Amino acid sequence: MKLKLPHIQYLGLECFERRELQELRHFINLKELQMYDEVTASDFIAITKSMGNLRTLQLRNAKKFLTTSSLKQLAINCRQLVKFSFQDSDADLTALSMFPNLQFLQLYCPDNQKTRLLKTLAKCATNLEFLILQRKQWIDEEQAQRIGSIKTLKWLVCKPRNDRCVAHMANLTQLECLSLQCARDIGESELLNLIRNNEQLRYLNICYCLGITDGFIVDLLSILAKRRTQQPLVLYAAATDIRHDIIERLPTDFATKLLILYFECSQGMHSNEHCYSDEPEFVA
């Protein structure tokens, strides 16, 4: 059996015993690992030590084993890691700067680490294209300024506290997918400026952004009409102040070619390689 294990490249584990876990050391060509159960920090270090080819790592219950020490050791052992997704962790998350090839980062970041993490990413994460900050925590102005400095971003999920935060994020120019769900205090002007600066934007989630009105749609269509590419923007606008018949009040052919508008919660963002489902349970 062990002779075949090195050839396995993709593996997902939900429930396992420690004895079974030790077998992972033989998966030397593994490129993608998904773990949905808890392990010890020492076991986690041991099983990932031989995974130098690992490119994708998704962890669910990481709080007990993704420590500062194990995170740093992971960076040493798995330098090819491109996609990293995890939930709770008490580790010093600035250690994520040790992953030189990281492109996709999805995590829950505690408030007391958020500013330091974003400062580190703005300085060191030169390849980061996908940043997903889970659980809809507020992003303040300093943190938004750091996000706006990560010029390589194509996907962004966060909850800016106000328009000044959105103004900093408008420094980004490569966005393709953006979720600002539950950012209820943002207005229209800075958001429109952010959209204007990102011609490749094809997905926008503003559900529960209570200050967005019909006027936003009219101004948005004006911006979209000036784009060099005619790919329509998919907009999710549940629980905003936009009237459901707004498209019917506009020239139909013009509007439908530029904008696909949904008044329901989004199922998430998708691409050929990645997907993310927004979290409707965190709408407060």
Protein backbone atom coordinates (compact mmCIF):
# COMPACT_ATOMS: atom_id res chain seq x y z
CA MET A 1 0.00 0.00 0.00
CA LYS A 2 2.77 2.44 0.92
CA LEU A 3 4.31 2.00 -2.52
CA LYS A 4 1.20 3.61 -4.01
CA LEU A 5 0.84 6.41 -1.48
CA PRO A 6 3.53 8.71 -2.94
CA HIS A 7 1.53 8.95 -6.17
CA ILE A 8 -1.54 10.46 -4.47
CA GLN A 9 -1.73 14.22 -5.05
CA TYR A 10 -5.12 15.25 -3.60
CA LEU A 11 -6.45 14.18 -0.22
CA GLY A 12 -9.31 15.19 2.07
CA LEU A 13 -9.63 13.90 5.64
CA GLU A 14 -12.59 14.43 7.95
CA CYS A 15 -12.34 11.89 10.78
CA PHE A 16 -9.19 9.94 11.50
CA GLU A 17 -7.20 8.24 14.24
CA ARG A 18 -3.67 9.17 15.20
CA ARG A 19 -2.33 5.91 13.78
CA GLU A 20 -3.92 6.68 10.42
CA LEU A 21 -2.59 10.21 10.57
CA GLN A 22 0.99 8.97 10.71
CA GLU A 23 0.57 7.42 7.28
CA LEU A 24 0.40 10.91 5.79
CA ARG A 25 4.16 11.13 6.12
CA HIS A 26 4.39 8.86 3.08
CA PHE A 27 2.37 11.20 0.83
CA ILE A 28 5.47 12.94 -0.46
CA ASN A 29 3.91 14.16 -3.74
CA LEU A 30 0.75 15.54 -2.19
CA LYS A 31 -0.31 18.85 -3.76
CA GLU A 32 -3.60 19.46 -1.97
CA LEU A 33 -4.57 18.55 1.60
CA GLN A 34 -7.88 19.23 3.33
CA MET A 35 -8.13 18.43 7.04
CA TYR A 36 -11.42 18.80 8.89
CA ASP A 37 -10.50 17.34 12.27
CA GLU A 38 -8.16 18.32 15.08
CA VAL A 39 -4.62 17.03 15.53
CA THR A 40 -1.80 17.97 17.86
CA ALA A 41 0.75 20.58 16.87
CA SER A 42 3.54 17.98 16.93
CA ASP A 43 1.60 15.60 14.68
CA PHE A 44 0.80 18.42 12.27
CA ILE A 45 4.48 19.30 11.98
CA ALA A 46 5.41 15.64 11.53
CA ILE A 47 2.93 14.91 8.75
CA THR A 48 3.68 18.06 6.75
CA LYS A 49 7.45 17.75 7.06
CA SER A 50 7.73 15.64 3.90
CA MET A 51 5.15 17.61 1.88
CA GLY A 52 7.48 19.89 0.00
CA ASN A 53 5.20 19.82 -3.06
CA LEU A 54 2.07 20.93 -1.20
CA ARG A 55 0.32 23.85 -2.93
CA THR A 56 -3.11 23.92 -1.26
CA LEU A 57 -3.89 23.50 2.44
CA GLN A 58 -7.34 23.87 3.95
CA LEU A 59 -7.84 23.46 7.71
CA ARG A 60 -11.11 23.66 9.61
CA ASN A 61 -10.43 23.10 13.33
CA ALA A 62 -6.94 24.57 13.49
CA LYS A 63 -7.06 26.41 16.82
CA LYS A 64 -5.26 23.73 18.84
CA PHE A 65 -2.52 22.82 16.41
CA LEU A 66 -1.83 25.85 14.19
CA THR A 67 0.46 27.56 16.68
CA THR A 68 3.16 30.10 15.94
CA SER A 69 5.75 27.34 16.02
CA SER A 70 3.84 24.96 13.74
CA LEU A 71 2.99 27.79 11.33
CA LYS A 72 6.65 28.74 11.01
CA GLN A 73 7.63 25.10 10.56
CA LEU A 74 4.97 24.73 7.88
CA ALA A 75 6.50 27.67 6.02
CA ILE A 76 9.89 25.96 6.11
CA ASN A 77 8.57 22.58 4.97
CA CYS A 78 5.98 23.73 2.42
CA ARG A 79 7.52 26.63 0.56
CA GLN A 80 5.46 25.93 -2.57
CA LEU A 81 2.19 26.62 -0.74
CA VAL A 82 -0.03 28.83 -2.91
CA LYS A 83 -3.46 28.51 -1.27
CA PHE A 84 -3.96 28.53 2.51
CA SER A 85 -7.34 28.51 4.21
CA PHE A 86 -8.01 28.13 7.93
CA GLN A 87 -10.34 29.34 10.64
CA ASP A 88 -9.42 29.83 14.28
CA SER A 89 -5.77 30.03 15.25
CA ASP A 90 -3.88 31.57 18.16
CA ALA A 91 -0.66 31.76 16.15
CA ASP A 92 1.18 34.99 15.42
CA LEU A 93 -0.27 35.47 11.95
CA THR A 94 2.54 37.75 10.81
CA ALA A 95 4.40 34.47 10.26
CA LEU A 96 2.36 34.17 7.07
CA SER A 97 4.98 36.45 5.52
CA MET A 98 7.26 33.40 5.49
CA PHE A 99 5.29 31.81 2.63
CA PRO A 100 6.95 33.30 -0.47
CA ASN A 101 4.48 31.94 -3.04
CA LEU A 102 1.20 32.55 -1.22
CA GLN A 103 -1.51 33.75 -3.61
CA PHE A 104 -4.77 32.80 -1.84
CA LEU A 105 -5.37 33.49 1.85
CA GLN A 106 -8.68 32.83 3.58
CA LEU A 107 -8.80 33.17 7.35
CA TYR A 108 -10.47 34.46 10.45
CA CYS A 109 -8.13 37.08 11.92
CA PRO A 110 -8.70 38.18 15.54
CA ASP A 111 -9.13 41.92 16.05
CA ASN A 112 -5.94 42.17 18.09
CA GLN A 113 -3.88 40.85 15.16
CA LYS A 114 -5.64 42.39 12.19
CA THR A 115 -3.63 45.61 11.87
CA ARG A 116 -0.27 43.82 12.23
CA LEU A 117 -1.27 41.11 9.78
CA LEU A 118 -2.43 43.53 7.10
CA LYS A 119 0.67 45.66 7.57
CA THR A 120 2.79 42.54 7.08
CA LEU A 121 0.85 41.43 4.00
CA ALA A 122 1.10 44.90 2.44
CA LYS A 123 4.87 44.78 2.89
CA CYS A 124 5.70 41.15 2.17
CA ALA A 125 2.89 39.39 0.27
CA THR A 126 4.01 40.37 -3.20
CA ASN A 127 2.10 37.52 -4.90
CA LEU A 128 -1.17 37.71 -2.95
CA GLU A 129 -4.19 37.81 -5.29
CA PHE A 130 -7.02 36.51 -3.10
CA LEU A 131 -7.70 37.85 0.41
CA ILE A 132 -10.79 36.65 2.27
CA LEU A 133 -11.32 37.93 5.81
CA GLN A 134 -14.02 35.73 7.27
CA ARG A 135 -16.80 36.44 9.77
CA LYS A 136 -17.53 39.95 8.58
CA GLN A 137 -15.45 41.84 11.11
CA TRP A 138 -15.05 45.58 10.69
CA ILE A 139 -12.05 46.96 8.83
CA ASP A 140 -10.95 50.35 10.14
CA GLU A 141 -9.25 53.13 8.19
CA GLU A 142 -5.66 52.10 8.95
CA GLN A 143 -6.40 48.50 8.03
CA ALA A 144 -8.14 49.56 4.81
CA GLN A 145 -5.08 51.62 3.91
CA ARG A 146 -2.94 48.49 4.24
CA ILE A 147 -5.35 46.51 2.08
CA GLY A 148 -5.24 49.26 -0.54
CA SER A 149 -1.47 48.80 -0.71
CA ILE A 150 -1.73 45.15 -1.81
CA LYS A 151 -1.86 46.04 -5.49
CA THR A 152 -1.93 42.44 -6.70
CA LEU A 153 -5.37 41.66 -5.22
CA LYS A 154 -8.01 40.21 -7.56
CA TRP A 155 -10.48 38.97 -4.93
CA LEU A 156 -11.28 40.79 -1.72
CA VAL A 157 -13.79 39.96 1.01
CA CYS A 158 -13.99 42.37 3.95
CA LYS A 159 -16.32 44.77 5.78
CA PRO A 160 -15.11 48.40 5.68
CA ARG A 161 -16.48 50.54 8.49
CA ASN A 162 -17.09 53.73 6.50
CA ASP A 163 -16.44 55.66 3.29
CA ARG A 164 -12.91 56.64 4.31
CA CYS A 165 -12.06 52.94 4.36
CA VAL A 166 -13.53 52.44 0.89
CA ALA A 167 -11.51 55.42 -0.36
CA HIS A 168 -8.28 53.68 0.66
CA MET A 169 -9.40 50.44 -0.99
CA ALA A 170 -10.01 52.38 -4.21
CA ASN A 171 -6.22 52.37 -4.65
CA LEU A 172 -6.62 48.80 -5.88
CA THR A 173 -6.90 48.42 -9.66
CA GLN A 174 -6.87 44.66 -10.38
CA LEU A 175 -10.03 43.54 -8.56
CA GLU A 176 -12.26 40.99 -10.29
CA CYS A 177 -14.47 39.97 -7.35
CA LEU A 178 -15.36 42.10 -4.33
CA SER A 179 -17.64 41.35 -1.39
CA LEU A 180 -18.48 44.16 1.03
CA GLN A 181 -21.50 42.37 2.46
CA CYS A 182 -22.84 43.89 5.69
CA ALA A 183 -20.82 47.13 5.36
CA ARG A 184 -24.00 48.99 6.24
CA ASP A 185 -22.43 52.43 6.77
CA ILE A 186 -20.72 52.90 3.42
CA GLY A 187 -22.14 55.30 0.84
CA GLU A 188 -22.23 55.44 -2.92
CA SER A 189 -19.59 57.96 -4.00
CA GLU A 190 -16.45 56.17 -2.81
CA LEU A 191 -17.82 52.79 -3.84
CA LEU A 192 -18.41 54.09 -7.36
CA ASN A 193 -14.86 55.41 -7.44
CA LEU A 194 -13.55 51.99 -6.41
CA ILE A 195 -15.54 50.38 -9.23
CA ARG A 196 -14.29 53.00 -11.70
CA ASN A 197 -10.69 52.12 -10.84
CA ASN A 198 -11.23 48.37 -11.38
CA GLU A 199 -12.24 47.74 -14.97
CA GLN A 200 -12.00 43.96 -14.58
CA LEU A 201 -14.52 43.83 -11.72
CA ARG A 202 -17.14 41.22 -12.64
CA TYR A 203 -18.70 40.42 -9.24
CA LEU A 204 -19.83 42.75 -6.46
CA ASN A 205 -21.70 41.84 -3.28
CA ILE A 206 -23.23 44.80 -1.42
CA CYS A 207 -25.96 42.90 0.42
CA TYR A 208 -26.96 44.62 3.68
CA CYS A 209 -25.22 47.85 2.65
CA LEU A 210 -28.16 49.99 3.72
CA GLY A 211 -27.00 53.31 2.25
CA ILE A 212 -27.05 52.19 -1.39
CA THR A 213 -29.98 53.60 -3.42
CA ASP A 214 -31.37 53.74 -6.96
CA GLY A 215 -28.95 56.53 -7.80
CA PHE A 216 -26.08 54.11 -7.36
CA ILE A 217 -27.41 51.92 -10.18
CA VAL A 218 -27.77 54.86 -12.55
CA ASP A 219 -24.22 56.07 -11.87
CA LEU A 220 -22.88 52.52 -11.98
CA LEU A 221 -24.29 51.95 -15.46
CA SER A 222 -22.62 55.13 -16.63
CA ILE A 223 -19.28 53.79 -15.41
CA LEU A 224 -19.81 50.34 -16.92
CA ALA A 225 -20.71 51.86 -20.30
CA LYS A 226 -17.23 53.40 -20.52
CA ARG A 227 -15.38 50.16 -19.95
CA ARG A 228 -13.19 48.85 -22.72
CA THR A 229 -14.44 45.32 -22.04
CA GLN A 230 -18.16 44.61 -22.19
CA GLN A 231 -18.29 41.83 -19.62
CA PRO A 232 -21.36 42.49 -17.44
CA LEU A 233 -21.01 43.12 -13.73
CA VAL A 234 -22.87 40.66 -11.49
CA LEU A 235 -24.27 42.63 -8.56
CA TYR A 236 -25.91 41.18 -5.44
CA ALA A 237 -27.91 43.84 -3.63
CA ALA A 238 -30.23 42.17 -1.12
CA ALA A 239 -31.31 44.39 1.80
CA THR A 240 -30.17 47.65 0.20
CA ASP A 241 -32.34 50.68 -0.58
CA ILE A 242 -32.38 49.89 -4.30
CA ARG A 243 -35.89 49.38 -5.66
CA HIS A 244 -36.51 45.98 -7.21
CA ASP A 245 -37.95 47.50 -10.38
CA ILE A 246 -34.99 49.79 -11.04
CA ILE A 247 -33.86 47.92 -14.18
CA GLU A 248 -37.37 48.15 -15.62
CA ARG A 249 -37.15 51.93 -15.35
CA LEU A 250 -34.01 52.05 -17.49
CA PRO A 251 -33.40 51.25 -21.18
CA THR A 252 -33.63 47.45 -21.00
CA ASP A 253 -31.05 46.42 -23.62
CA PHE A 254 -28.54 48.92 -22.31
CA ALA A 255 -28.90 47.89 -18.68
CA THR A 256 -28.96 44.11 -19.12
CA LYS A 257 -25.82 44.09 -21.24
CA LEU A 258 -23.87 45.92 -18.58
CA LEU A 259 -25.36 44.69 -15.31
CA ILE A 260 -26.85 41.47 -13.92
CA LEU A 261 -28.68 42.46 -10.74
CA TYR A 262 -29.89 40.08 -8.01
CA PHE A 263 -31.94 41.00 -4.96
CA GLU A 264 -30.97 37.89 -3.03
CA CYS A 265 -28.01 36.75 -0.98
CA SER A 266 -25.05 35.62 -3.03
CA GLN A 267 -23.92 32.02 -3.23
CA GLY A 268 -20.37 33.27 -3.50
CA MET A 269 -17.55 33.93 -5.93
CA HIS A 270 -16.17 31.44 -8.43
CA SER A 271 -13.30 31.06 -10.86
CA ASN A 272 -11.68 28.11 -12.59
CA GLU A 273 -9.45 27.40 -9.60
CA HIS A 274 -11.14 28.97 -6.57
CA CYS A 275 -14.52 29.46 -4.95
CA TYR A 276 -15.81 31.23 -1.87
CA SER A 277 -19.28 31.14 -0.34
CA ASP A 278 -20.31 34.27 1.53
CA GLU A 279 -21.47 33.82 5.10
CA PRO A 280 -25.12 34.88 5.41
CA GLU A 281 -25.16 33.99 9.08
CA PHE A 282 -22.89 36.94 9.87
CA VAL A 283 -25.15 39.79 8.89
CA ALA A 284 -25.10 41.78 12.14
